[in-house]
Amino acid sequence: MPTTVPRCLLLSLAIVDGSSYAASAHEQDQFSLILQQLDTIERLVTRAKTASTAESVERYRFDYPRLTQDIQRIRHGVQGYLSPSRAQPRDPSELVGDYLLDTPLAEPSP
């Protein structure tokens, strides 16, 4: 699961990175499929987050909120490409891509 989600995100990002508008119905269909896949990925992330233990004793854990923000950013970019309001400069900020959190060790109570 952890490697599949980032690969799907990278593939979606690579497709979205084009700078021209959707020129054909086929391309618009492909972007619609990408949006559906992002919905599926987001549901999988929600399921994985729910399944993970909230009080894990592991030092590192997956940063689900950051991944969800990146998915939303990709979705927003695809939707903006499919139906642009007007020609505007692109938002230059990048996806974070690092989803590993360092959980501080709890100090034993006296």
PDB file of N, CA and C in Angstrom:
ATOM      1  N   MET A   1       0.812  -1.201   0.000  1.00  0.00           N
ATOM      2  CA  MET A   1       0.000   0.000   0.000  1.00  0.00           C
ATOM      3  C   MET A   1       0.854   1.263   0.000  1.00  0.00           C
ATOM      4  N   PRO A   2       1.854   1.428   0.909  1.00  0.00           N
ATOM      5  CA  PRO A   2       2.600   2.667   0.935  1.00  0.00           C
ATOM      6  C   PRO A   2       3.301   2.992  -0.385  1.00  0.00           C
ATOM      7  N   THR A   3       3.789   2.013  -1.128  1.00  0.00           N
ATOM      8  CA  THR A   3       4.473   2.335  -2.369  1.00  0.00           C
ATOM      9  C   THR A   3       3.511   2.542  -3.521  1.00  0.00           C
ATOM     10  N   THR A   4       2.338   1.926  -3.475  1.00  0.00           N
ATOM     11  CA  THR A   4       1.372   2.059  -4.555  1.00  0.00           C
ATOM     12  C   THR A   4       0.784   3.462  -4.605  1.00  0.00           C
ATOM     13  N   VAL A   5       0.421   4.022  -3.472  1.00  0.00           N
ATOM     14  CA  VAL A   5      -0.195   5.347  -3.448  1.00  0.00           C
ATOM     15  C   VAL A   5       0.742   6.411  -4.008  1.00  0.00           C
ATOM     16  N   PRO A   6       2.007   6.517  -3.536  1.00  0.00           N
ATOM     17  CA  PRO A   6       2.890   7.524  -4.111  1.00  0.00           C
ATOM     18  C   PRO A   6       3.131   7.316  -5.610  1.00  0.00           C
ATOM     19  N   ARG A   7       3.204   6.074  -6.077  1.00  0.00           N
ATOM     20  CA  ARG A   7       3.394   5.838  -7.509  1.00  0.00           C
ATOM     21  C   ARG A   7       2.219   6.369  -8.306  1.00  0.00           C
ATOM     22  N   CYS A   8       1.004   6.141  -7.814  1.00  0.00           N
ATOM     23  CA  CYS A   8      -0.190   6.655  -8.492  1.00  0.00           C
ATOM     24  C   CYS A   8      -0.184   8.178  -8.498  1.00  0.00           C
ATOM     25  N   LEU A   9       0.233   8.769  -7.376  1.00  0.00           N
ATOM     26  CA  LEU A   9       0.292  10.224  -7.307  1.00  0.00           C
ATOM     27  C   LEU A   9       1.319  10.783  -8.290  1.00  0.00           C
ATOM     28  N   LEU A  10       2.471  10.135  -8.362  1.00  0.00           N
ATOM     29  CA  LEU A  10       3.496  10.606  -9.287  1.00  0.00           C
ATOM     30  C   LEU A  10       3.045  10.484 -10.731  1.00  0.00           C
ATOM     31  N   LEU A  11       2.363   9.400 -11.067  1.00  0.00           N
ATOM     32  CA  LEU A  11       1.836   9.236 -12.409  1.00  0.00           C
ATOM     33  C   LEU A  11       0.823  10.321 -12.725  1.00  0.00           C
ATOM     34  N   SER A  12      -0.076  10.575 -11.783  1.00  0.00           N
ATOM     35  CA  SER A  12      -1.076  11.626 -11.981  1.00  0.00           C
ATOM     36  C   SER A  12      -0.406  12.976 -12.144  1.00  0.00           C
ATOM     37  N   LEU A  13       0.588  13.250 -11.325  1.00  0.00           N
ATOM     38  CA  LEU A  13       1.295  14.519 -11.407  1.00  0.00           C
ATOM     39  C   LEU A  13       2.007  14.662 -12.736  1.00  0.00           C
ATOM     40  N   ALA A  14       2.625  13.607 -13.218  1.00  0.00           N
ATOM     41  CA  ALA A  14       3.324  13.665 -14.505  1.00  0.00           C
ATOM     42  C   ALA A  14       2.357  13.969 -15.639  1.00  0.00           C
ATOM     43  N   ILE A  15       1.158  13.431 -15.560  1.00  0.00           N
ATOM     44  CA  ILE A  15       0.167  13.686 -16.596  1.00  0.00           C
ATOM     45  C   ILE A  15      -0.361  15.105 -16.492  1.00  0.00           C
ATOM     46  N   VAL A  16      -0.557  15.595 -15.283  1.00  0.00           N
ATOM     47  CA  VAL A  16      -1.127  16.914 -15.057  1.00  0.00           C
ATOM     48  C   VAL A  16      -0.135  18.024 -15.387  1.00  0.00           C
ATOM     49  N   ASP A  17       1.141  17.727 -15.415  1.00  0.00           N
ATOM     50  CA  ASP A  17       2.161  18.742 -15.548  1.00  0.00           C
ATOM     51  C   ASP A  17       2.193  19.418 -16.918  1.00  0.00           C
ATOM     52  N   GLY A  18       1.424  18.971 -17.874  1.00  0.00           N
ATOM     53  CA  GLY A  18       1.395  19.600 -19.195  1.00  0.00           C
ATOM     54  C   GLY A  18       0.944  21.044 -19.096  1.00  0.00           C
ATOM     55  N   SER A  19       1.389  21.892 -20.017  1.00  0.00           N
ATOM     56  CA  SER A  19       1.074  23.311 -19.908  1.00  0.00           C
ATOM     57  C   SER A  19       0.009  23.775 -20.890  1.00  0.00           C
ATOM     58  N   SER A  20      -0.520  22.912 -21.756  1.00  0.00           N
ATOM     59  CA  SER A  20      -1.560  23.324 -22.686  1.00  0.00           C
ATOM     60  C   SER A  20      -2.908  22.825 -22.207  1.00  0.00           C
ATOM     61  N   TYR A  21      -3.975  23.423 -22.735  1.00  0.00           N
ATOM     62  CA  TYR A  21      -5.319  23.015 -22.346  1.00  0.00           C
ATOM     63  C   TYR A  21      -5.706  21.720 -23.031  1.00  0.00           C
ATOM     64  N   ALA A  22      -6.678  21.025 -22.447  1.00  0.00           N
ATOM     65  CA  ALA A  22      -7.158  19.771 -23.015  1.00  0.00           C
ATOM     66  C   ALA A  22      -7.654  20.033 -24.425  1.00  0.00           C
ATOM     67  N   ALA A  23      -7.034  19.398 -25.404  1.00  0.00           N
ATOM     68  CA  ALA A  23      -7.326  19.691 -26.804  1.00  0.00           C
ATOM     69  C   ALA A  23      -8.373  18.766 -27.385  1.00  0.00           C
ATOM     70  N   SER A  24      -8.596  17.627 -26.798  1.00  0.00           N
ATOM     71  CA  SER A  24      -9.511  16.678 -27.416  1.00  0.00           C
ATOM     72  C   SER A  24     -10.424  16.049 -26.376  1.00  0.00           C
ATOM     73  N   ALA A  25     -11.507  15.462 -26.875  1.00  0.00           N
ATOM     74  CA  ALA A  25     -12.434  14.760 -25.996  1.00  0.00           C
ATOM     75  C   ALA A  25     -11.739  13.568 -25.344  1.00  0.00           C
ATOM     76  N   HIS A  26     -10.838  12.914 -26.076  1.00  0.00           N
ATOM     77  CA  HIS A  26     -10.102  11.776 -25.524  1.00  0.00           C
ATOM     78  C   HIS A  26      -9.269  12.213 -24.315  1.00  0.00           C
ATOM     79  N   GLU A  27      -8.581  13.338 -24.446  1.00  0.00           N
ATOM     80  CA  GLU A  27      -7.765  13.830 -23.338  1.00  0.00           C
ATOM     81  C   GLU A  27      -8.647  14.194 -22.146  1.00  0.00           C
ATOM     82  N   GLN A  28      -9.788  14.806 -22.397  1.00  0.00           N
ATOM     83  CA  GLN A  28     -10.692  15.143 -21.302  1.00  0.00           C
ATOM     84  C   GLN A  28     -11.202  13.873 -20.617  1.00  0.00           C
ATOM     85  N   ASP A  29     -11.479  12.826 -21.397  1.00  0.00           N
ATOM     86  CA  ASP A  29     -11.885  11.548 -20.817  1.00  0.00           C
ATOM     87  C   ASP A  29     -10.778  10.987 -19.929  1.00  0.00           C
ATOM     88  N   GLN A  30      -9.544  11.099 -20.393  1.00  0.00           N
ATOM     89  CA  GLN A  30      -8.420  10.589 -19.610  1.00  0.00           C
ATOM     90  C   GLN A  30      -8.287  11.340 -18.284  1.00  0.00           C
ATOM     91  N   PHE A  31      -8.466  12.651 -18.318  1.00  0.00           N
ATOM     92  CA  PHE A  31      -8.392  13.430 -17.082  1.00  0.00           C
ATOM     93  C   PHE A  31      -9.564  13.122 -16.159  1.00  0.00           C
ATOM     94  N   SER A  32     -10.720  12.820 -16.718  1.00  0.00           N
ATOM     95  CA  SER A  32     -11.860  12.407 -15.895  1.00  0.00           C
ATOM     96  C   SER A  32     -11.539  11.095 -15.182  1.00  0.00           C
ATOM     97  N   LEU A  33     -10.865  10.192 -15.885  1.00  0.00           N
ATOM     98  CA  LEU A  33     -10.436   8.938 -15.253  1.00  0.00           C
ATOM     99  C   LEU A  33      -9.433   9.201 -14.135  1.00  0.00           C
ATOM    100  N   ILE A  34      -8.551  10.149 -14.351  1.00  0.00           N
ATOM    101  CA  ILE A  34      -7.580  10.507 -13.307  1.00  0.00           C
ATOM    102  C   ILE A  34      -8.317  11.006 -12.068  1.00  0.00           C
ATOM    103  N   LEU A  35      -9.337  11.843 -12.257  1.00  0.00           N
ATOM    104  CA  LEU A  35     -10.106  12.340 -11.119  1.00  0.00           C
ATOM    105  C   LEU A  35     -10.795  11.191 -10.379  1.00  0.00           C
ATOM    106  N   GLN A  36     -11.307  10.225 -11.118  1.00  0.00           N
ATOM    107  CA  GLN A  36     -11.924   9.065 -10.480  1.00  0.00           C
ATOM    108  C   GLN A  36     -10.884   8.266  -9.698  1.00  0.00           C
ATOM    109  N   GLN A  37      -9.699   8.123 -10.257  1.00  0.00           N
ATOM    110  CA  GLN A  37      -8.634   7.388  -9.573  1.00  0.00           C
ATOM    111  C   GLN A  37      -8.180   8.131  -8.318  1.00  0.00           C
ATOM    112  N   LEU A  38      -8.157   9.459  -8.372  1.00  0.00           N
ATOM    113  CA  LEU A  38      -7.812  10.228  -7.180  1.00  0.00           C
ATOM    114  C   LEU A  38      -8.857  10.018  -6.087  1.00  0.00           C
ATOM    115  N   ASP A  39     -10.128   9.927  -6.472  1.00  0.00           N
ATOM    116  CA  ASP A  39     -11.179   9.637  -5.492  1.00  0.00           C
ATOM    117  C   ASP A  39     -10.930   8.273  -4.844  1.00  0.00           C
ATOM    118  N   THR A  40     -10.579   7.298  -5.670  1.00  0.00           N
ATOM    119  CA  THR A  40     -10.300   5.955  -5.159  1.00  0.00           C
ATOM    120  C   THR A  40      -9.099   5.968  -4.219  1.00  0.00           C
ATOM    121  N   ILE A  41      -8.047   6.650  -4.620  1.00  0.00           N
ATOM    122  CA  ILE A  41      -6.851   6.748  -3.771  1.00  0.00           C
ATOM    123  C   ILE A  41      -7.196   7.410  -2.447  1.00  0.00           C
ATOM    124  N   GLU A  42      -7.995   8.454  -2.506  1.00  0.00           N
ATOM    125  CA  GLU A  42      -8.360   9.152  -1.274  1.00  0.00           C
ATOM    126  C   GLU A  42      -9.176   8.248  -0.345  1.00  0.00           C
ATOM    127  N   ARG A  43     -10.065   7.443  -0.912  1.00  0.00           N
ATOM    128  CA  ARG A  43     -10.816   6.485  -0.089  1.00  0.00           C
ATOM    129  C   ARG A  43      -9.878   5.459   0.537  1.00  0.00           C
ATOM    130  N   LEU A  44      -8.896   4.983  -0.230  1.00  0.00           N
ATOM    131  CA  LEU A  44      -7.927   4.022   0.313  1.00  0.00           C
ATOM    132  C   LEU A  44      -7.098   4.637   1.439  1.00  0.00           C
ATOM    133  N   VAL A  45      -6.728   5.891   1.274  1.00  0.00           N
ATOM    134  CA  VAL A  45      -5.958   6.584   2.312  1.00  0.00           C
ATOM    135  C   VAL A  45      -6.805   6.704   3.578  1.00  0.00           C
ATOM    136  N   THR A  46      -8.082   7.041   3.424  1.00  0.00           N
ATOM    137  CA  THR A  46      -8.973   7.159   4.574  1.00  0.00           C
ATOM    138  C   THR A  46      -9.114   5.824   5.289  1.00  0.00           C
ATOM    139  N   ARG A  47      -9.263   4.754   4.509  1.00  0.00           N
ATOM    140  CA  ARG A  47      -9.356   3.416   5.094  1.00  0.00           C
ATOM    141  C   ARG A  47      -8.078   3.047   5.836  1.00  0.00           C
ATOM    142  N   ALA A  48      -6.944   3.326   5.211  1.00  0.00           N
ATOM    143  CA  ALA A  48      -5.658   2.996   5.840  1.00  0.00           C
ATOM    144  C   ALA A  48      -5.462   3.790   7.128  1.00  0.00           C
ATOM    145  N   LYS A  49      -5.866   5.057   7.094  1.00  0.00           N
ATOM    146  CA  LYS A  49      -5.732   5.903   8.292  1.00  0.00           C
ATOM    147  C   LYS A  49      -6.600   5.359   9.415  1.00  0.00           C
ATOM    148  N   THR A  50      -7.817   4.956   9.076  1.00  0.00           N
ATOM    149  CA  THR A  50      -8.726   4.397  10.072  1.00  0.00           C
ATOM    150  C   THR A  50      -8.188   3.089  10.635  1.00  0.00           C
ATOM    151  N   ALA A  51      -7.585   2.281   9.781  1.00  0.00           N
ATOM    152  CA  ALA A  51      -7.075   0.978  10.199  1.00  0.00           C
ATOM    153  C   ALA A  51      -5.807   1.095  11.048  1.00  0.00           C
ATOM    154  N   SER A  52      -5.054   2.157  10.855  1.00  0.00           N
ATOM    155  CA  SER A  52      -3.821   2.307  11.632  1.00  0.00           C
ATOM    156  C   SER A  52      -4.170   2.650  13.073  1.00  0.00           C
ATOM    157  N   THR A  53      -3.362   2.181  13.968  1.00  0.00           N
ATOM    158  CA  THR A  53      -3.619   2.435  15.379  1.00  0.00           C
ATOM    159  C   THR A  53      -3.218   3.858  15.730  1.00  0.00           C
ATOM    160  N   ALA A  54      -4.086   4.536  16.431  1.00  0.00           N
ATOM    161  CA  ALA A  54      -3.839   5.931  16.807  1.00  0.00           C
ATOM    162  C   ALA A  54      -2.699   6.063  17.806  1.00  0.00           C
ATOM    163  N   GLU A  55      -2.570   5.086  18.672  1.00  0.00           N
ATOM    164  CA  GLU A  55      -1.525   5.154  19.697  1.00  0.00           C
ATOM    165  C   GLU A  55      -0.458   4.108  19.416  1.00  0.00           C
ATOM    166  N   SER A  56       0.119   4.199  18.272  1.00  0.00           N
ATOM    167  CA  SER A  56       1.148   3.245  17.889  1.00  0.00           C
ATOM    168  C   SER A  56       2.420   3.504  18.684  1.00  0.00           C
ATOM    169  N   VAL A  57       3.141   2.443  18.962  1.00  0.00           N
ATOM    170  CA  VAL A  57       4.391   2.579  19.694  1.00  0.00           C
ATOM    171  C   VAL A  57       5.566   2.751  18.730  1.00  0.00           C
ATOM    172  N   GLU A  58       5.276   2.789  17.439  1.00  0.00           N
ATOM    173  CA  GLU A  58       6.327   2.952  16.446  1.00  0.00           C
ATOM    174  C   GLU A  58       6.873   4.386  16.488  1.00  0.00           C
ATOM    175  N   ARG A  59       8.144   4.513  16.194  1.00  0.00           N
ATOM    176  CA  ARG A  59       8.752   5.840  16.187  1.00  0.00           C
ATOM    177  C   ARG A  59       8.310   6.639  14.978  1.00  0.00           C
ATOM    178  N   TYR A  60       8.165   5.973  13.844  1.00  0.00           N
ATOM    179  CA  TYR A  60       7.760   6.654  12.621  1.00  0.00           C
ATOM    180  C   TYR A  60       6.363   6.200  12.232  1.00  0.00           C
ATOM    181  N   ARG A  61       5.595   7.131  11.722  1.00  0.00           N
ATOM    182  CA  ARG A  61       4.266   6.793  11.229  1.00  0.00           C
ATOM    183  C   ARG A  61       3.995   7.572   9.949  1.00  0.00           C
ATOM    184  N   PHE A  62       2.995   7.153   9.227  1.00  0.00           N
ATOM    185  CA  PHE A  62       2.666   7.762   7.942  1.00  0.00           C
ATOM    186  C   PHE A  62       1.891   9.053   8.171  1.00  0.00           C
ATOM    187  N   ASP A  63       2.223  10.097   7.395  1.00  0.00           N
ATOM    188  CA  ASP A  63       1.578  11.402   7.524  1.00  0.00           C
ATOM    189  C   ASP A  63       0.369  11.466   6.579  1.00  0.00           C
ATOM    190  N   TYR A  64      -0.754  10.942   7.024  1.00  0.00           N
ATOM    191  CA  TYR A  64      -1.961  10.893   6.198  1.00  0.00           C
ATOM    192  C   TYR A  64      -2.501  12.282   5.837  1.00  0.00           C
ATOM    193  N   PRO A  65      -2.526  13.246   6.749  1.00  0.00           N
ATOM    194  CA  PRO A  65      -3.030  14.569   6.370  1.00  0.00           C
ATOM    195  C   PRO A  65      -2.213  15.215   5.243  1.00  0.00           C
ATOM    196  N   ARG A  66      -0.909  15.037   5.257  1.00  0.00           N
ATOM    197  CA  ARG A  66      -0.071  15.612   4.211  1.00  0.00           C
ATOM    198  C   ARG A  66      -0.366  14.960   2.862  1.00  0.00           C
ATOM    199  N   LEU A  67      -0.541  13.646   2.852  1.00  0.00           N
ATOM    200  CA  LEU A  67      -0.883  12.942   1.622  1.00  0.00           C
ATOM    201  C   LEU A  67      -2.235  13.420   1.097  1.00  0.00           C
ATOM    202  N   THR A  68      -3.208  13.581   1.986  1.00  0.00           N
ATOM    203  CA  THR A  68      -4.530  14.055   1.580  1.00  0.00           C
ATOM    204  C   THR A  68      -4.443  15.447   0.976  1.00  0.00           C
ATOM    205  N   GLN A  69      -3.614  16.319   1.533  1.00  0.00           N
ATOM    206  CA  GLN A  69      -3.425  17.661   0.973  1.00  0.00           C
ATOM    207  C   GLN A  69      -2.832  17.589  -0.426  1.00  0.00           C
ATOM    208  N   ASP A  70      -1.873  16.706  -0.634  1.00  0.00           N
ATOM    209  CA  ASP A  70      -1.272  16.556  -1.960  1.00  0.00           C
ATOM    210  C   ASP A  70      -2.281  16.016  -2.972  1.00  0.00           C
ATOM    211  N   ILE A  71      -3.120  15.085  -2.552  1.00  0.00           N
ATOM    212  CA  ILE A  71      -4.157  14.562  -3.446  1.00  0.00           C
ATOM    213  C   ILE A  71      -5.111  15.694  -3.836  1.00  0.00           C
ATOM    214  N   GLN A  72      -5.495  16.499  -2.866  1.00  0.00           N
ATOM    215  CA  GLN A  72      -6.385  17.635  -3.155  1.00  0.00           C
ATOM    216  C   GLN A  72      -5.724  18.614  -4.117  1.00  0.00           C
ATOM    217  N   ARG A  73      -4.444  18.819  -3.954  1.00  0.00           N
ATOM    218  CA  ARG A  73      -3.708  19.734  -4.838  1.00  0.00           C
ATOM    219  C   ARG A  73      -3.679  19.209  -6.269  1.00  0.00           C
ATOM    220  N   ILE A  74      -3.453  17.918  -6.419  1.00  0.00           N
ATOM    221  CA  ILE A  74      -3.464  17.320  -7.757  1.00  0.00           C
ATOM    222  C   ILE A  74      -4.863  17.423  -8.356  1.00  0.00           C
ATOM    223  N   ARG A  75      -5.884  17.107  -7.564  1.00  0.00           N
ATOM    224  CA  ARG A  75      -7.270  17.193  -8.042  1.00  0.00           C
ATOM    225  C   ARG A  75      -7.585  18.619  -8.511  1.00  0.00           C
ATOM    226  N   HIS A  76      -7.201  19.595  -7.707  1.00  0.00           N
ATOM    227  CA  HIS A  76      -7.449  20.996  -8.054  1.00  0.00           C
ATOM    228  C   HIS A  76      -6.744  21.368  -9.368  1.00  0.00           C
ATOM    229  N   GLY A  77      -5.527  20.870  -9.550  1.00  0.00           N
ATOM    230  CA  GLY A  77      -4.791  21.148 -10.788  1.00  0.00           C
ATOM    231  C   GLY A  77      -5.463  20.541 -12.006  1.00  0.00           C
ATOM    232  N   VAL A  78      -5.961  19.304 -11.889  1.00  0.00           N
ATOM    233  CA  VAL A  78      -6.649  18.651 -13.008  1.00  0.00           C
ATOM    234  C   VAL A  78      -7.937  19.394 -13.321  1.00  0.00           C
ATOM    235  N   GLN A  79      -8.717  19.731 -12.286  1.00  0.00           N
ATOM    236  CA  GLN A  79      -9.967  20.440 -12.516  1.00  0.00           C
ATOM    237  C   GLN A  79      -9.727  21.823 -13.122  1.00  0.00           C
ATOM    238  N   GLY A  80      -8.669  22.485 -12.675  1.00  0.00           N
ATOM    239  CA  GLY A  80      -8.327  23.784 -13.247  1.00  0.00           C
ATOM    240  C   GLY A  80      -7.906  23.676 -14.702  1.00  0.00           C
ATOM    241  N   TYR A  81      -7.264  22.576 -15.055  1.00  0.00           N
ATOM    242  CA  TYR A  81      -6.851  22.343 -16.433  1.00  0.00           C
ATOM    243  C   TYR A  81      -8.056  22.068 -17.327  1.00  0.00           C
ATOM    244  N   LEU A  82      -8.998  21.289 -16.810  1.00  0.00           N
ATOM    245  CA  LEU A  82     -10.178  20.932 -17.598  1.00  0.00           C
ATOM    246  C   LEU A  82     -11.138  22.100 -17.786  1.00  0.00           C
ATOM    247  N   SER A  83     -11.219  22.966 -16.812  1.00  0.00           N
ATOM    248  CA  SER A  83     -12.132  24.111 -16.927  1.00  0.00           C
ATOM    249  C   SER A  83     -11.482  25.362 -16.345  1.00  0.00           C
ATOM    250  N   PRO A  84     -10.520  25.921 -17.069  1.00  0.00           N
ATOM    251  CA  PRO A  84      -9.823  27.112 -16.559  1.00  0.00           C
ATOM    252  C   PRO A  84     -10.760  28.323 -16.560  1.00  0.00           C
ATOM    253  N   SER A  85     -10.669  29.135 -15.530  1.00  0.00           N
ATOM    254  CA  SER A  85     -11.492  30.333 -15.460  1.00  0.00           C
ATOM    255  C   SER A  85     -10.930  31.416 -16.383  1.00  0.00           C
ATOM    256  N   ARG A  86      -9.629  31.491 -16.470  1.00  0.00           N
ATOM    257  CA  ARG A  86      -8.934  32.417 -17.376  1.00  0.00           C
ATOM    258  C   ARG A  86      -7.450  32.088 -17.319  1.00  0.00           C
ATOM    259  N   ALA A  87      -6.709  32.626 -18.232  1.00  0.00           N
ATOM    260  CA  ALA A  87      -5.268  32.364 -18.247  1.00  0.00           C
ATOM    261  C   ALA A  87      -4.625  33.027 -17.037  1.00  0.00           C
ATOM    262  N   GLN A  88      -4.002  32.217 -16.206  1.00  0.00           N
ATOM    263  CA  GLN A  88      -3.343  32.708 -14.999  1.00  0.00           C
ATOM    264  C   GLN A  88      -2.009  32.002 -14.839  1.00  0.00           C
ATOM    265  N   PRO A  89      -1.084  32.640 -14.161  1.00  0.00           N
ATOM    266  CA  PRO A  89       0.175  31.950 -13.876  1.00  0.00           C
ATOM    267  C   PRO A  89      -0.089  30.757 -12.961  1.00  0.00           C
ATOM    268  N   ARG A  90       0.687  29.715 -13.156  1.00  0.00           N
ATOM    269  CA  ARG A  90       0.543  28.521 -12.319  1.00  0.00           C
ATOM    270  C   ARG A  90       1.102  28.770 -10.940  1.00  0.00           C
ATOM    271  N   ASP A  91       0.552  28.072  -9.977  1.00  0.00           N
ATOM    272  CA  ASP A  91       1.042  28.116  -8.604  1.00  0.00           C
ATOM    273  C   ASP A  91       2.358  27.344  -8.558  1.00  0.00           C
ATOM    274  N   PRO A  92       3.470  28.005  -8.224  1.00  0.00           N
ATOM    275  CA  PRO A  92       4.771  27.339  -8.289  1.00  0.00           C
ATOM    276  C   PRO A  92       5.081  26.398  -7.132  1.00  0.00           C
ATOM    277  N   SER A  93       4.228  26.315  -6.125  1.00  0.00           N
ATOM    278  CA  SER A  93       4.565  25.451  -4.994  1.00  0.00           C
ATOM    279  C   SER A  93       4.532  23.984  -5.407  1.00  0.00           C
ATOM    280  N   GLU A  94       5.334  23.198  -4.723  1.00  0.00           N
ATOM    281  CA  GLU A  94       5.501  21.791  -5.071  1.00  0.00           C
ATOM    282  C   GLU A  94       4.806  20.909  -4.052  1.00  0.00           C
ATOM    283  N   LEU A  95       4.581  19.656  -4.458  1.00  0.00           N
ATOM    284  CA  LEU A  95       4.069  18.673  -3.526  1.00  0.00           C
ATOM    285  C   LEU A  95       5.138  18.351  -2.507  1.00  0.00           C
ATOM    286  N   VAL A  96       4.714  17.994  -1.342  1.00  0.00           N
ATOM    287  CA  VAL A  96       5.663  17.695  -0.278  1.00  0.00           C
ATOM    288  C   VAL A  96       6.365  16.373  -0.552  1.00  0.00           C
ATOM    289  N   GLY A  97       5.602  15.310  -0.726  1.00  0.00           N
ATOM    290  CA  GLY A  97       6.158  14.015  -1.096  1.00  0.00           C
ATOM    291  C   GLY A  97       6.814  13.226   0.019  1.00  0.00           C
ATOM    292  N   ASP A  98       7.001  13.802   1.192  1.00  0.00           N
ATOM    293  CA  ASP A  98       7.614  13.089   2.309  1.00  0.00           C
ATOM    294  C   ASP A  98       6.526  12.841   3.341  1.00  0.00           C
ATOM    295  N   TYR A  99       6.149  11.589   3.526  1.00  0.00           N
ATOM    296  CA  TYR A  99       5.014  11.270   4.371  1.00  0.00           C
ATOM    297  C   TYR A  99       5.401  10.487   5.620  1.00  0.00           C
ATOM    298  N   LEU A 100       6.609  10.640   6.072  1.00  0.00           N
ATOM    299  CA  LEU A 100       7.087   9.924   7.241  1.00  0.00           C
ATOM    300  C   LEU A 100       7.184  10.899   8.408  1.00  0.00           C
ATOM    301  N   LEU A 101       6.496  10.597   9.504  1.00  0.00           N
ATOM    302  CA  LEU A 101       6.536  11.439  10.694  1.00  0.00           C
ATOM    303  C   LEU A 101       7.380  10.761  11.763  1.00  0.00           C
ATOM    304  N   ASP A 102       8.156  11.547  12.468  1.00  0.00           N
ATOM    305  CA  ASP A 102       8.938  11.040  13.582  1.00  0.00           C
ATOM    306  C   ASP A 102       8.109  11.254  14.848  1.00  0.00           C
ATOM    307  N   THR A 103       7.676  10.164  15.464  1.00  0.00           N
ATOM    308  CA  THR A 103       6.875  10.247  16.672  1.00  0.00           C
ATOM    309  C   THR A 103       7.811  10.213  17.869  1.00  0.00           C
ATOM    310  N   PRO A 104       7.774  11.277  18.682  1.00  0.00           N
ATOM    311  CA  PRO A 104       8.660  11.274  19.852  1.00  0.00           C
ATOM    312  C   PRO A 104       8.265  10.169  20.824  1.00  0.00           C
ATOM    313  N   LEU A 105       9.272   9.577  21.423  1.00  0.00           N
ATOM    314  CA  LEU A 105       9.037   8.508  22.392  1.00  0.00           C
ATOM    315  C   LEU A 105       8.430   9.096  23.664  1.00  0.00           C
ATOM    316  N   ALA A 106       7.426   8.434  24.182  1.00  0.00           N
ATOM    317  CA  ALA A 106       6.789   8.892  25.419  1.00  0.00           C
ATOM    318  C   ALA A 106       7.703   8.588  26.592  1.00  0.00           C
ATOM    319  N   GLU A 107       7.807   9.554  27.492  1.00  0.00           N
ATOM    320  CA  GLU A 107       8.644   9.344  28.679  1.00  0.00           C
ATOM    321  C   GLU A 107       7.877   8.496  29.684  1.00  0.00           C
ATOM    322  N   PRO A 108       8.540   7.542  30.291  1.00  0.00           N
ATOM    323  CA  PRO A 108       7.844   6.690  31.275  1.00  0.00           C
ATOM    324  C   PRO A 108       7.429   7.531  32.501  1.00  0.00           C
ATOM    325  N   SER A 109       6.249   7.260  33.008  1.00  0.00           N
ATOM    326  CA  SER A 109       5.771   8.000  34.186  1.00  0.00           C
ATOM    327  C   SER A 109       6.462   7.462  35.431  1.00  0.00           C
ATOM    328  N   PRO A 110       6.746   8.362  36.399  1.00  0.00           N
ATOM    329  CA  PRO A 110       7.457   7.915  37.613  1.00  0.00           C
ATOM    330  C   PRO A 110       6.627   7.090  38.521  1.00  0.00           C
TER     331      PRO A 110
END
